[in-house]
Amino acid sequence: ASIGRTNYADSVKGRFTISRDNAKN
């Protein structure tokens, strides 16, 4: 989310990381 809250599928949890740069969209 725009506030930074994340969620992951169980199959990728611990291996994948999602992140965002709001200044760069």
PDBML (XML) file of the C-alpha atoms, coordinates in Angstrom:
<?xml version="1.0" encoding="UTF-8" ?>
<PDBx:datablock datablockName="MODEL"
   xmlns:PDBx="http://pdbml.pdb.org/schema/pdbx-v50.xsd"
   xmlns:xsi="http://www.w3.org/2001/XMLSchema-instance"
   xsi:schemaLocation="http://pdbml.pdb.org/schema/pdbx-v50.xsd pdbx-v50.xsd">
   <PDBx:atom_siteCategory>
      <PDBx:atom_site id="1">
         <PDBx:B_iso_or_equiv>0.00</PDBx:B_iso_or_equiv>
         <PDBx:Cartn_x>0.000</PDBx:Cartn_x>
         <PDBx:Cartn_y>0.000</PDBx:Cartn_y>
         <PDBx:Cartn_z>0.000</PDBx:Cartn_z>
         <PDBx:auth_asym_id>A</PDBx:auth_asym_id>
         <PDBx:auth_atom_id>CA</PDBx:auth_atom_id>
         <PDBx:auth_comp_id>ALA</PDBx:auth_comp_id>
         <PDBx:auth_seq_id>1</PDBx:auth_seq_id>
         <PDBx:group_PDB>ATOM</PDBx:group_PDB>
         <PDBx:label_alt_id xsi:nil="true" />
         <PDBx:label_asym_id>A</PDBx:label_asym_id>
         <PDBx:label_atom_id>CA</PDBx:label_atom_id>
         <PDBx:label_comp_id>ALA</PDBx:label_comp_id>
         <PDBx:label_entity_id>1</PDBx:label_entity_id>
         <PDBx:label_seq_id>1</PDBx:label_seq_id>
         <PDBx:occupancy>1.00</PDBx:occupancy>
         <PDBx:pdbx_PDB_model_num>1</PDBx:pdbx_PDB_model_num>
         <PDBx:type_symbol>C</PDBx:type_symbol>
      </PDBx:atom_site>
      <PDBx:atom_site id="2">
         <PDBx:B_iso_or_equiv>0.00</PDBx:B_iso_or_equiv>
         <PDBx:Cartn_x>0.986</PDBx:Cartn_x>
         <PDBx:Cartn_y>3.648</PDBx:Cartn_y>
         <PDBx:Cartn_z>-0.307</PDBx:Cartn_z>
         <PDBx:auth_asym_id>A</PDBx:auth_asym_id>
         <PDBx:auth_atom_id>CA</PDBx:auth_atom_id>
         <PDBx:auth_comp_id>SER</PDBx:auth_comp_id>
         <PDBx:auth_seq_id>2</PDBx:auth_seq_id>
         <PDBx:group_PDB>ATOM</PDBx:group_PDB>
         <PDBx:label_alt_id xsi:nil="true" />
         <PDBx:label_asym_id>A</PDBx:label_asym_id>
         <PDBx:label_atom_id>CA</PDBx:label_atom_id>
         <PDBx:label_comp_id>SER</PDBx:label_comp_id>
         <PDBx:label_entity_id>1</PDBx:label_entity_id>
         <PDBx:label_seq_id>2</PDBx:label_seq_id>
         <PDBx:occupancy>1.00</PDBx:occupancy>
         <PDBx:pdbx_PDB_model_num>1</PDBx:pdbx_PDB_model_num>
         <PDBx:type_symbol>C</PDBx:type_symbol>
      </PDBx:atom_site>
      <PDBx:atom_site id="3">
         <PDBx:B_iso_or_equiv>0.00</PDBx:B_iso_or_equiv>
         <PDBx:Cartn_x>1.515</PDBx:Cartn_x>
         <PDBx:Cartn_y>3.745</PDBx:Cartn_y>
         <PDBx:Cartn_z>3.466</PDBx:Cartn_z>
         <PDBx:auth_asym_id>A</PDBx:auth_asym_id>
         <PDBx:auth_atom_id>CA</PDBx:auth_atom_id>
         <PDBx:auth_comp_id>ILE</PDBx:auth_comp_id>
         <PDBx:auth_seq_id>3</PDBx:auth_seq_id>
         <PDBx:group_PDB>ATOM</PDBx:group_PDB>
         <PDBx:label_alt_id xsi:nil="true" />
         <PDBx:label_asym_id>A</PDBx:label_asym_id>
         <PDBx:label_atom_id>CA</PDBx:label_atom_id>
         <PDBx:label_comp_id>ILE</PDBx:label_comp_id>
         <PDBx:label_entity_id>1</PDBx:label_entity_id>
         <PDBx:label_seq_id>3</PDBx:label_seq_id>
         <PDBx:occupancy>1.00</PDBx:occupancy>
         <PDBx:pdbx_PDB_model_num>1</PDBx:pdbx_PDB_model_num>
         <PDBx:type_symbol>C</PDBx:type_symbol>
      </PDBx:atom_site>
      <PDBx:atom_site id="4">
         <PDBx:B_iso_or_equiv>0.00</PDBx:B_iso_or_equiv>
         <PDBx:Cartn_x>3.909</PDBx:Cartn_x>
         <PDBx:Cartn_y>0.788</PDBx:Cartn_y>
         <PDBx:Cartn_z>3.200</PDBx:Cartn_z>
         <PDBx:auth_asym_id>A</PDBx:auth_asym_id>
         <PDBx:auth_atom_id>CA</PDBx:auth_atom_id>
         <PDBx:auth_comp_id>GLY</PDBx:auth_comp_id>
         <PDBx:auth_seq_id>4</PDBx:auth_seq_id>
         <PDBx:group_PDB>ATOM</PDBx:group_PDB>
         <PDBx:label_alt_id xsi:nil="true" />
         <PDBx:label_asym_id>A</PDBx:label_asym_id>
         <PDBx:label_atom_id>CA</PDBx:label_atom_id>
         <PDBx:label_comp_id>GLY</PDBx:label_comp_id>
         <PDBx:label_entity_id>1</PDBx:label_entity_id>
         <PDBx:label_seq_id>4</PDBx:label_seq_id>
         <PDBx:occupancy>1.00</PDBx:occupancy>
         <PDBx:pdbx_PDB_model_num>1</PDBx:pdbx_PDB_model_num>
         <PDBx:type_symbol>C</PDBx:type_symbol>
      </PDBx:atom_site>
      <PDBx:atom_site id="5">
         <PDBx:B_iso_or_equiv>0.00</PDBx:B_iso_or_equiv>
         <PDBx:Cartn_x>1.800</PDBx:Cartn_x>
         <PDBx:Cartn_y>-2.088</PDBx:Cartn_y>
         <PDBx:Cartn_z>4.485</PDBx:Cartn_z>
         <PDBx:auth_asym_id>A</PDBx:auth_asym_id>
         <PDBx:auth_atom_id>CA</PDBx:auth_atom_id>
         <PDBx:auth_comp_id>ARG</PDBx:auth_comp_id>
         <PDBx:auth_seq_id>5</PDBx:auth_seq_id>
         <PDBx:group_PDB>ATOM</PDBx:group_PDB>
         <PDBx:label_alt_id xsi:nil="true" />
         <PDBx:label_asym_id>A</PDBx:label_asym_id>
         <PDBx:label_atom_id>CA</PDBx:label_atom_id>
         <PDBx:label_comp_id>ARG</PDBx:label_comp_id>
         <PDBx:label_entity_id>1</PDBx:label_entity_id>
         <PDBx:label_seq_id>5</PDBx:label_seq_id>
         <PDBx:occupancy>1.00</PDBx:occupancy>
         <PDBx:pdbx_PDB_model_num>1</PDBx:pdbx_PDB_model_num>
         <PDBx:type_symbol>C</PDBx:type_symbol>
      </PDBx:atom_site>
      <PDBx:atom_site id="6">
         <PDBx:B_iso_or_equiv>0.00</PDBx:B_iso_or_equiv>
         <PDBx:Cartn_x>2.681</PDBx:Cartn_x>
         <PDBx:Cartn_y>-5.342</PDBx:Cartn_y>
         <PDBx:Cartn_z>2.693</PDBx:Cartn_z>
         <PDBx:auth_asym_id>A</PDBx:auth_asym_id>
         <PDBx:auth_atom_id>CA</PDBx:auth_atom_id>
         <PDBx:auth_comp_id>THR</PDBx:auth_comp_id>
         <PDBx:auth_seq_id>6</PDBx:auth_seq_id>
         <PDBx:group_PDB>ATOM</PDBx:group_PDB>
         <PDBx:label_alt_id xsi:nil="true" />
         <PDBx:label_asym_id>A</PDBx:label_asym_id>
         <PDBx:label_atom_id>CA</PDBx:label_atom_id>
         <PDBx:label_comp_id>THR</PDBx:label_comp_id>
         <PDBx:label_entity_id>1</PDBx:label_entity_id>
         <PDBx:label_seq_id>6</PDBx:label_seq_id>
         <PDBx:occupancy>1.00</PDBx:occupancy>
         <PDBx:pdbx_PDB_model_num>1</PDBx:pdbx_PDB_model_num>
         <PDBx:type_symbol>C</PDBx:type_symbol>
      </PDBx:atom_site>
      <PDBx:atom_site id="7">
         <PDBx:B_iso_or_equiv>0.00</PDBx:B_iso_or_equiv>
         <PDBx:Cartn_x>1.300</PDBx:Cartn_x>
         <PDBx:Cartn_y>-8.816</PDBx:Cartn_y>
         <PDBx:Cartn_z>2.207</PDBx:Cartn_z>
         <PDBx:auth_asym_id>A</PDBx:auth_asym_id>
         <PDBx:auth_atom_id>CA</PDBx:auth_atom_id>
         <PDBx:auth_comp_id>ASN</PDBx:auth_comp_id>
         <PDBx:auth_seq_id>7</PDBx:auth_seq_id>
         <PDBx:group_PDB>ATOM</PDBx:group_PDB>
         <PDBx:label_alt_id xsi:nil="true" />
         <PDBx:label_asym_id>A</PDBx:label_asym_id>
         <PDBx:label_atom_id>CA</PDBx:label_atom_id>
         <PDBx:label_comp_id>ASN</PDBx:label_comp_id>
         <PDBx:label_entity_id>1</PDBx:label_entity_id>
         <PDBx:label_seq_id>7</PDBx:label_seq_id>
         <PDBx:occupancy>1.00</PDBx:occupancy>
         <PDBx:pdbx_PDB_model_num>1</PDBx:pdbx_PDB_model_num>
         <PDBx:type_symbol>C</PDBx:type_symbol>
      </PDBx:atom_site>
      <PDBx:atom_site id="8">
         <PDBx:B_iso_or_equiv>0.00</PDBx:B_iso_or_equiv>
         <PDBx:Cartn_x>2.701</PDBx:Cartn_x>
         <PDBx:Cartn_y>-11.903</PDBx:Cartn_y>
         <PDBx:Cartn_z>0.479</PDBx:Cartn_z>
         <PDBx:auth_asym_id>A</PDBx:auth_asym_id>
         <PDBx:auth_atom_id>CA</PDBx:auth_atom_id>
         <PDBx:auth_comp_id>TYR</PDBx:auth_comp_id>
         <PDBx:auth_seq_id>8</PDBx:auth_seq_id>
         <PDBx:group_PDB>ATOM</PDBx:group_PDB>
         <PDBx:label_alt_id xsi:nil="true" />
         <PDBx:label_asym_id>A</PDBx:label_asym_id>
         <PDBx:label_atom_id>CA</PDBx:label_atom_id>
         <PDBx:label_comp_id>TYR</PDBx:label_comp_id>
         <PDBx:label_entity_id>1</PDBx:label_entity_id>
         <PDBx:label_seq_id>8</PDBx:label_seq_id>
         <PDBx:occupancy>1.00</PDBx:occupancy>
         <PDBx:pdbx_PDB_model_num>1</PDBx:pdbx_PDB_model_num>
         <PDBx:type_symbol>C</PDBx:type_symbol>
      </PDBx:atom_site>
      <PDBx:atom_site id="9">
         <PDBx:B_iso_or_equiv>0.00</PDBx:B_iso_or_equiv>
         <PDBx:Cartn_x>1.538</PDBx:Cartn_x>
         <PDBx:Cartn_y>-15.196</PDBx:Cartn_y>
         <PDBx:Cartn_z>-0.889</PDBx:Cartn_z>
         <PDBx:auth_asym_id>A</PDBx:auth_asym_id>
         <PDBx:auth_atom_id>CA</PDBx:auth_atom_id>
         <PDBx:auth_comp_id>ALA</PDBx:auth_comp_id>
         <PDBx:auth_seq_id>9</PDBx:auth_seq_id>
         <PDBx:group_PDB>ATOM</PDBx:group_PDB>
         <PDBx:label_alt_id xsi:nil="true" />
         <PDBx:label_asym_id>A</PDBx:label_asym_id>
         <PDBx:label_atom_id>CA</PDBx:label_atom_id>
         <PDBx:label_comp_id>ALA</PDBx:label_comp_id>
         <PDBx:label_entity_id>1</PDBx:label_entity_id>
         <PDBx:label_seq_id>9</PDBx:label_seq_id>
         <PDBx:occupancy>1.00</PDBx:occupancy>
         <PDBx:pdbx_PDB_model_num>1</PDBx:pdbx_PDB_model_num>
         <PDBx:type_symbol>C</PDBx:type_symbol>
      </PDBx:atom_site>
      <PDBx:atom_site id="10">
         <PDBx:B_iso_or_equiv>0.00</PDBx:B_iso_or_equiv>
         <PDBx:Cartn_x>2.557</PDBx:Cartn_x>
         <PDBx:Cartn_y>-18.045</PDBx:Cartn_y>
         <PDBx:Cartn_z>1.394</PDBx:Cartn_z>
         <PDBx:auth_asym_id>A</PDBx:auth_asym_id>
         <PDBx:auth_atom_id>CA</PDBx:auth_atom_id>
         <PDBx:auth_comp_id>ASP</PDBx:auth_comp_id>
         <PDBx:auth_seq_id>10</PDBx:auth_seq_id>
         <PDBx:group_PDB>ATOM</PDBx:group_PDB>
         <PDBx:label_alt_id xsi:nil="true" />
         <PDBx:label_asym_id>A</PDBx:label_asym_id>
         <PDBx:label_atom_id>CA</PDBx:label_atom_id>
         <PDBx:label_comp_id>ASP</PDBx:label_comp_id>
         <PDBx:label_entity_id>1</PDBx:label_entity_id>
         <PDBx:label_seq_id>10</PDBx:label_seq_id>
         <PDBx:occupancy>1.00</PDBx:occupancy>
         <PDBx:pdbx_PDB_model_num>1</PDBx:pdbx_PDB_model_num>
         <PDBx:type_symbol>C</PDBx:type_symbol>
      </PDBx:atom_site>
      <PDBx:atom_site id="11">
         <PDBx:B_iso_or_equiv>0.00</PDBx:B_iso_or_equiv>
         <PDBx:Cartn_x>4.588</PDBx:Cartn_x>
         <PDBx:Cartn_y>-19.604</PDBx:Cartn_y>
         <PDBx:Cartn_z>-1.416</PDBx:Cartn_z>
         <PDBx:auth_asym_id>A</PDBx:auth_asym_id>
         <PDBx:auth_atom_id>CA</PDBx:auth_atom_id>
         <PDBx:auth_comp_id>SER</PDBx:auth_comp_id>
         <PDBx:auth_seq_id>11</PDBx:auth_seq_id>
         <PDBx:group_PDB>ATOM</PDBx:group_PDB>
         <PDBx:label_alt_id xsi:nil="true" />
         <PDBx:label_asym_id>A</PDBx:label_asym_id>
         <PDBx:label_atom_id>CA</PDBx:label_atom_id>
         <PDBx:label_comp_id>SER</PDBx:label_comp_id>
         <PDBx:label_entity_id>1</PDBx:label_entity_id>
         <PDBx:label_seq_id>11</PDBx:label_seq_id>
         <PDBx:occupancy>1.00</PDBx:occupancy>
         <PDBx:pdbx_PDB_model_num>1</PDBx:pdbx_PDB_model_num>
         <PDBx:type_symbol>C</PDBx:type_symbol>
      </PDBx:atom_site>
      <PDBx:atom_site id="12">
         <PDBx:B_iso_or_equiv>0.00</PDBx:B_iso_or_equiv>
         <PDBx:Cartn_x>6.978</PDBx:Cartn_x>
         <PDBx:Cartn_y>-16.626</PDBx:Cartn_y>
         <PDBx:Cartn_z>-1.589</PDBx:Cartn_z>
         <PDBx:auth_asym_id>A</PDBx:auth_asym_id>
         <PDBx:auth_atom_id>CA</PDBx:auth_atom_id>
         <PDBx:auth_comp_id>VAL</PDBx:auth_comp_id>
         <PDBx:auth_seq_id>12</PDBx:auth_seq_id>
         <PDBx:group_PDB>ATOM</PDBx:group_PDB>
         <PDBx:label_alt_id xsi:nil="true" />
         <PDBx:label_asym_id>A</PDBx:label_asym_id>
         <PDBx:label_atom_id>CA</PDBx:label_atom_id>
         <PDBx:label_comp_id>VAL</PDBx:label_comp_id>
         <PDBx:label_entity_id>1</PDBx:label_entity_id>
         <PDBx:label_seq_id>12</PDBx:label_seq_id>
         <PDBx:occupancy>1.00</PDBx:occupancy>
         <PDBx:pdbx_PDB_model_num>1</PDBx:pdbx_PDB_model_num>
         <PDBx:type_symbol>C</PDBx:type_symbol>
      </PDBx:atom_site>
      <PDBx:atom_site id="13">
         <PDBx:B_iso_or_equiv>0.00</PDBx:B_iso_or_equiv>
         <PDBx:Cartn_x>6.996</PDBx:Cartn_x>
         <PDBx:Cartn_y>-15.396</PDBx:Cartn_y>
         <PDBx:Cartn_z>2.006</PDBx:Cartn_z>
         <PDBx:auth_asym_id>A</PDBx:auth_asym_id>
         <PDBx:auth_atom_id>CA</PDBx:auth_atom_id>
         <PDBx:auth_comp_id>LYS</PDBx:auth_comp_id>
         <PDBx:auth_seq_id>13</PDBx:auth_seq_id>
         <PDBx:group_PDB>ATOM</PDBx:group_PDB>
         <PDBx:label_alt_id xsi:nil="true" />
         <PDBx:label_asym_id>A</PDBx:label_asym_id>
         <PDBx:label_atom_id>CA</PDBx:label_atom_id>
         <PDBx:label_comp_id>LYS</PDBx:label_comp_id>
         <PDBx:label_entity_id>1</PDBx:label_entity_id>
         <PDBx:label_seq_id>13</PDBx:label_seq_id>
         <PDBx:occupancy>1.00</PDBx:occupancy>
         <PDBx:pdbx_PDB_model_num>1</PDBx:pdbx_PDB_model_num>
         <PDBx:type_symbol>C</PDBx:type_symbol>
      </PDBx:atom_site>
      <PDBx:atom_site id="14">
         <PDBx:B_iso_or_equiv>0.00</PDBx:B_iso_or_equiv>
         <PDBx:Cartn_x>10.546</PDBx:Cartn_x>
         <PDBx:Cartn_y>-15.113</PDBx:Cartn_y>
         <PDBx:Cartn_z>3.308</PDBx:Cartn_z>
         <PDBx:auth_asym_id>A</PDBx:auth_asym_id>
         <PDBx:auth_atom_id>CA</PDBx:auth_atom_id>
         <PDBx:auth_comp_id>GLY</PDBx:auth_comp_id>
         <PDBx:auth_seq_id>14</PDBx:auth_seq_id>
         <PDBx:group_PDB>ATOM</PDBx:group_PDB>
         <PDBx:label_alt_id xsi:nil="true" />
         <PDBx:label_asym_id>A</PDBx:label_asym_id>
         <PDBx:label_atom_id>CA</PDBx:label_atom_id>
         <PDBx:label_comp_id>GLY</PDBx:label_comp_id>
         <PDBx:label_entity_id>1</PDBx:label_entity_id>
         <PDBx:label_seq_id>14</PDBx:label_seq_id>
         <PDBx:occupancy>1.00</PDBx:occupancy>
         <PDBx:pdbx_PDB_model_num>1</PDBx:pdbx_PDB_model_num>
         <PDBx:type_symbol>C</PDBx:type_symbol>
      </PDBx:atom_site>
      <PDBx:atom_site id="15">
         <PDBx:B_iso_or_equiv>0.00</PDBx:B_iso_or_equiv>
         <PDBx:Cartn_x>12.039</PDBx:Cartn_x>
         <PDBx:Cartn_y>-15.241</PDBx:Cartn_y>
         <PDBx:Cartn_z>-0.197</PDBx:Cartn_z>
         <PDBx:auth_asym_id>A</PDBx:auth_asym_id>
         <PDBx:auth_atom_id>CA</PDBx:auth_atom_id>
         <PDBx:auth_comp_id>ARG</PDBx:auth_comp_id>
         <PDBx:auth_seq_id>15</PDBx:auth_seq_id>
         <PDBx:group_PDB>ATOM</PDBx:group_PDB>
         <PDBx:label_alt_id xsi:nil="true" />
         <PDBx:label_asym_id>A</PDBx:label_asym_id>
         <PDBx:label_atom_id>CA</PDBx:label_atom_id>
         <PDBx:label_comp_id>ARG</PDBx:label_comp_id>
         <PDBx:label_entity_id>1</PDBx:label_entity_id>
         <PDBx:label_seq_id>15</PDBx:label_seq_id>
         <PDBx:occupancy>1.00</PDBx:occupancy>
         <PDBx:pdbx_PDB_model_num>1</PDBx:pdbx_PDB_model_num>
         <PDBx:type_symbol>C</PDBx:type_symbol>
      </PDBx:atom_site>
      <PDBx:atom_site id="16">
         <PDBx:B_iso_or_equiv>0.00</PDBx:B_iso_or_equiv>
         <PDBx:Cartn_x>10.486</PDBx:Cartn_x>
         <PDBx:Cartn_y>-12.259</PDBx:Cartn_y>
         <PDBx:Cartn_z>-1.995</PDBx:Cartn_z>
         <PDBx:auth_asym_id>A</PDBx:auth_asym_id>
         <PDBx:auth_atom_id>CA</PDBx:auth_atom_id>
         <PDBx:auth_comp_id>PHE</PDBx:auth_comp_id>
         <PDBx:auth_seq_id>16</PDBx:auth_seq_id>
         <PDBx:group_PDB>ATOM</PDBx:group_PDB>
         <PDBx:label_alt_id xsi:nil="true" />
         <PDBx:label_asym_id>A</PDBx:label_asym_id>
         <PDBx:label_atom_id>CA</PDBx:label_atom_id>
         <PDBx:label_comp_id>PHE</PDBx:label_comp_id>
         <PDBx:label_entity_id>1</PDBx:label_entity_id>
         <PDBx:label_seq_id>16</PDBx:label_seq_id>
         <PDBx:occupancy>1.00</PDBx:occupancy>
         <PDBx:pdbx_PDB_model_num>1</PDBx:pdbx_PDB_model_num>
         <PDBx:type_symbol>C</PDBx:type_symbol>
      </PDBx:atom_site>
      <PDBx:atom_site id="17">
         <PDBx:B_iso_or_equiv>0.00</PDBx:B_iso_or_equiv>
         <PDBx:Cartn_x>10.390</PDBx:Cartn_x>
         <PDBx:Cartn_y>-8.630</PDBx:Cartn_y>
         <PDBx:Cartn_z>-0.896</PDBx:Cartn_z>
         <PDBx:auth_asym_id>A</PDBx:auth_asym_id>
         <PDBx:auth_atom_id>CA</PDBx:auth_atom_id>
         <PDBx:auth_comp_id>THR</PDBx:auth_comp_id>
         <PDBx:auth_seq_id>17</PDBx:auth_seq_id>
         <PDBx:group_PDB>ATOM</PDBx:group_PDB>
         <PDBx:label_alt_id xsi:nil="true" />
         <PDBx:label_asym_id>A</PDBx:label_asym_id>
         <PDBx:label_atom_id>CA</PDBx:label_atom_id>
         <PDBx:label_comp_id>THR</PDBx:label_comp_id>
         <PDBx:label_entity_id>1</PDBx:label_entity_id>
         <PDBx:label_seq_id>17</PDBx:label_seq_id>
         <PDBx:occupancy>1.00</PDBx:occupancy>
         <PDBx:pdbx_PDB_model_num>1</PDBx:pdbx_PDB_model_num>
         <PDBx:type_symbol>C</PDBx:type_symbol>
      </PDBx:atom_site>
      <PDBx:atom_site id="18">
         <PDBx:B_iso_or_equiv>0.00</PDBx:B_iso_or_equiv>
         <PDBx:Cartn_x>8.130</PDBx:Cartn_x>
         <PDBx:Cartn_y>-5.962</PDBx:Cartn_y>
         <PDBx:Cartn_z>-2.360</PDBx:Cartn_z>
         <PDBx:auth_asym_id>A</PDBx:auth_asym_id>
         <PDBx:auth_atom_id>CA</PDBx:auth_atom_id>
         <PDBx:auth_comp_id>ILE</PDBx:auth_comp_id>
         <PDBx:auth_seq_id>18</PDBx:auth_seq_id>
         <PDBx:group_PDB>ATOM</PDBx:group_PDB>
         <PDBx:label_alt_id xsi:nil="true" />
         <PDBx:label_asym_id>A</PDBx:label_asym_id>
         <PDBx:label_atom_id>CA</PDBx:label_atom_id>
         <PDBx:label_comp_id>ILE</PDBx:label_comp_id>
         <PDBx:label_entity_id>1</PDBx:label_entity_id>
         <PDBx:label_seq_id>18</PDBx:label_seq_id>
         <PDBx:occupancy>1.00</PDBx:occupancy>
         <PDBx:pdbx_PDB_model_num>1</PDBx:pdbx_PDB_model_num>
         <PDBx:type_symbol>C</PDBx:type_symbol>
      </PDBx:atom_site>
      <PDBx:atom_site id="19">
         <PDBx:B_iso_or_equiv>0.00</PDBx:B_iso_or_equiv>
         <PDBx:Cartn_x>9.053</PDBx:Cartn_x>
         <PDBx:Cartn_y>-2.306</PDBx:Cartn_y>
         <PDBx:Cartn_z>-2.019</PDBx:Cartn_z>
         <PDBx:auth_asym_id>A</PDBx:auth_asym_id>
         <PDBx:auth_atom_id>CA</PDBx:auth_atom_id>
         <PDBx:auth_comp_id>SER</PDBx:auth_comp_id>
         <PDBx:auth_seq_id>19</PDBx:auth_seq_id>
         <PDBx:group_PDB>ATOM</PDBx:group_PDB>
         <PDBx:label_alt_id xsi:nil="true" />
         <PDBx:label_asym_id>A</PDBx:label_asym_id>
         <PDBx:label_atom_id>CA</PDBx:label_atom_id>
         <PDBx:label_comp_id>SER</PDBx:label_comp_id>
         <PDBx:label_entity_id>1</PDBx:label_entity_id>
         <PDBx:label_seq_id>19</PDBx:label_seq_id>
         <PDBx:occupancy>1.00</PDBx:occupancy>
         <PDBx:pdbx_PDB_model_num>1</PDBx:pdbx_PDB_model_num>
         <PDBx:type_symbol>C</PDBx:type_symbol>
      </PDBx:atom_site>
      <PDBx:atom_site id="20">
         <PDBx:B_iso_or_equiv>0.00</PDBx:B_iso_or_equiv>
         <PDBx:Cartn_x>8.109</PDBx:Cartn_x>
         <PDBx:Cartn_y>1.012</PDBx:Cartn_y>
         <PDBx:Cartn_z>-3.571</PDBx:Cartn_z>
         <PDBx:auth_asym_id>A</PDBx:auth_asym_id>
         <PDBx:auth_atom_id>CA</PDBx:auth_atom_id>
         <PDBx:auth_comp_id>ARG</PDBx:auth_comp_id>
         <PDBx:auth_seq_id>20</PDBx:auth_seq_id>
         <PDBx:group_PDB>ATOM</PDBx:group_PDB>
         <PDBx:label_alt_id xsi:nil="true" />
         <PDBx:label_asym_id>A</PDBx:label_asym_id>
         <PDBx:label_atom_id>CA</PDBx:label_atom_id>
         <PDBx:label_comp_id>ARG</PDBx:label_comp_id>
         <PDBx:label_entity_id>1</PDBx:label_entity_id>
         <PDBx:label_seq_id>20</PDBx:label_seq_id>
         <PDBx:occupancy>1.00</PDBx:occupancy>
         <PDBx:pdbx_PDB_model_num>1</PDBx:pdbx_PDB_model_num>
         <PDBx:type_symbol>C</PDBx:type_symbol>
      </PDBx:atom_site>
      <PDBx:atom_site id="21">
         <PDBx:B_iso_or_equiv>0.00</PDBx:B_iso_or_equiv>
         <PDBx:Cartn_x>9.611</PDBx:Cartn_x>
         <PDBx:Cartn_y>4.405</PDBx:Cartn_y>
         <PDBx:Cartn_z>-4.285</PDBx:Cartn_z>
         <PDBx:auth_asym_id>A</PDBx:auth_asym_id>
         <PDBx:auth_atom_id>CA</PDBx:auth_atom_id>
         <PDBx:auth_comp_id>ASP</PDBx:auth_comp_id>
         <PDBx:auth_seq_id>21</PDBx:auth_seq_id>
         <PDBx:group_PDB>ATOM</PDBx:group_PDB>
         <PDBx:label_alt_id xsi:nil="true" />
         <PDBx:label_asym_id>A</PDBx:label_asym_id>
         <PDBx:label_atom_id>CA</PDBx:label_atom_id>
         <PDBx:label_comp_id>ASP</PDBx:label_comp_id>
         <PDBx:label_entity_id>1</PDBx:label_entity_id>
         <PDBx:label_seq_id>21</PDBx:label_seq_id>
         <PDBx:occupancy>1.00</PDBx:occupancy>
         <PDBx:pdbx_PDB_model_num>1</PDBx:pdbx_PDB_model_num>
         <PDBx:type_symbol>C</PDBx:type_symbol>
      </PDBx:atom_site>
      <PDBx:atom_site id="22">
         <PDBx:B_iso_or_equiv>0.00</PDBx:B_iso_or_equiv>
         <PDBx:Cartn_x>6.777</PDBx:Cartn_x>
         <PDBx:Cartn_y>6.911</PDBx:Cartn_y>
         <PDBx:Cartn_z>-4.258</PDBx:Cartn_z>
         <PDBx:auth_asym_id>A</PDBx:auth_asym_id>
         <PDBx:auth_atom_id>CA</PDBx:auth_atom_id>
         <PDBx:auth_comp_id>ASN</PDBx:auth_comp_id>
         <PDBx:auth_seq_id>22</PDBx:auth_seq_id>
         <PDBx:group_PDB>ATOM</PDBx:group_PDB>
         <PDBx:label_alt_id xsi:nil="true" />
         <PDBx:label_asym_id>A</PDBx:label_asym_id>
         <PDBx:label_atom_id>CA</PDBx:label_atom_id>
         <PDBx:label_comp_id>ASN</PDBx:label_comp_id>
         <PDBx:label_entity_id>1</PDBx:label_entity_id>
         <PDBx:label_seq_id>22</PDBx:label_seq_id>
         <PDBx:occupancy>1.00</PDBx:occupancy>
         <PDBx:pdbx_PDB_model_num>1</PDBx:pdbx_PDB_model_num>
         <PDBx:type_symbol>C</PDBx:type_symbol>
      </PDBx:atom_site>
      <PDBx:atom_site id="23">
         <PDBx:B_iso_or_equiv>0.00</PDBx:B_iso_or_equiv>
         <PDBx:Cartn_x>8.950</PDBx:Cartn_x>
         <PDBx:Cartn_y>9.712</PDBx:Cartn_y>
         <PDBx:Cartn_z>-5.648</PDBx:Cartn_z>
         <PDBx:auth_asym_id>A</PDBx:auth_asym_id>
         <PDBx:auth_atom_id>CA</PDBx:auth_atom_id>
         <PDBx:auth_comp_id>ALA</PDBx:auth_comp_id>
         <PDBx:auth_seq_id>23</PDBx:auth_seq_id>
         <PDBx:group_PDB>ATOM</PDBx:group_PDB>
         <PDBx:label_alt_id xsi:nil="true" />
         <PDBx:label_asym_id>A</PDBx:label_asym_id>
         <PDBx:label_atom_id>CA</PDBx:label_atom_id>
         <PDBx:label_comp_id>ALA</PDBx:label_comp_id>
         <PDBx:label_entity_id>1</PDBx:label_entity_id>
         <PDBx:label_seq_id>23</PDBx:label_seq_id>
         <PDBx:occupancy>1.00</PDBx:occupancy>
         <PDBx:pdbx_PDB_model_num>1</PDBx:pdbx_PDB_model_num>
         <PDBx:type_symbol>C</PDBx:type_symbol>
      </PDBx:atom_site>
      <PDBx:atom_site id="24">
         <PDBx:B_iso_or_equiv>0.00</PDBx:B_iso_or_equiv>
         <PDBx:Cartn_x>9.630</PDBx:Cartn_x>
         <PDBx:Cartn_y>7.560</PDBx:Cartn_y>
         <PDBx:Cartn_z>-8.725</PDBx:Cartn_z>
         <PDBx:auth_asym_id>A</PDBx:auth_asym_id>
         <PDBx:auth_atom_id>CA</PDBx:auth_atom_id>
         <PDBx:auth_comp_id>LYS</PDBx:auth_comp_id>
         <PDBx:auth_seq_id>24</PDBx:auth_seq_id>
         <PDBx:group_PDB>ATOM</PDBx:group_PDB>
         <PDBx:label_alt_id xsi:nil="true" />
         <PDBx:label_asym_id>A</PDBx:label_asym_id>
         <PDBx:label_atom_id>CA</PDBx:label_atom_id>
         <PDBx:label_comp_id>LYS</PDBx:label_comp_id>
         <PDBx:label_entity_id>1</PDBx:label_entity_id>
         <PDBx:label_seq_id>24</PDBx:label_seq_id>
         <PDBx:occupancy>1.00</PDBx:occupancy>
         <PDBx:pdbx_PDB_model_num>1</PDBx:pdbx_PDB_model_num>
         <PDBx:type_symbol>C</PDBx:type_symbol>
      </PDBx:atom_site>
      <PDBx:atom_site id="25">
         <PDBx:B_iso_or_equiv>0.00</PDBx:B_iso_or_equiv>
         <PDBx:Cartn_x>6.175</PDBx:Cartn_x>
         <PDBx:Cartn_y>5.950</PDBx:Cartn_y>
         <PDBx:Cartn_z>-8.850</PDBx:Cartn_z>
         <PDBx:auth_asym_id>A</PDBx:auth_asym_id>
         <PDBx:auth_atom_id>CA</PDBx:auth_atom_id>
         <PDBx:auth_comp_id>ASN</PDBx:auth_comp_id>
         <PDBx:auth_seq_id>25</PDBx:auth_seq_id>
         <PDBx:group_PDB>ATOM</PDBx:group_PDB>
         <PDBx:label_alt_id xsi:nil="true" />
         <PDBx:label_asym_id>A</PDBx:label_asym_id>
         <PDBx:label_atom_id>CA</PDBx:label_atom_id>
         <PDBx:label_comp_id>ASN</PDBx:label_comp_id>
         <PDBx:label_entity_id>1</PDBx:label_entity_id>
         <PDBx:label_seq_id>25</PDBx:label_seq_id>
         <PDBx:occupancy>1.00</PDBx:occupancy>
         <PDBx:pdbx_PDB_model_num>1</PDBx:pdbx_PDB_model_num>
         <PDBx:type_symbol>C</PDBx:type_symbol>
      </PDBx:atom_site>
   </PDBx:atom_siteCategory>
</PDBx:datablock>
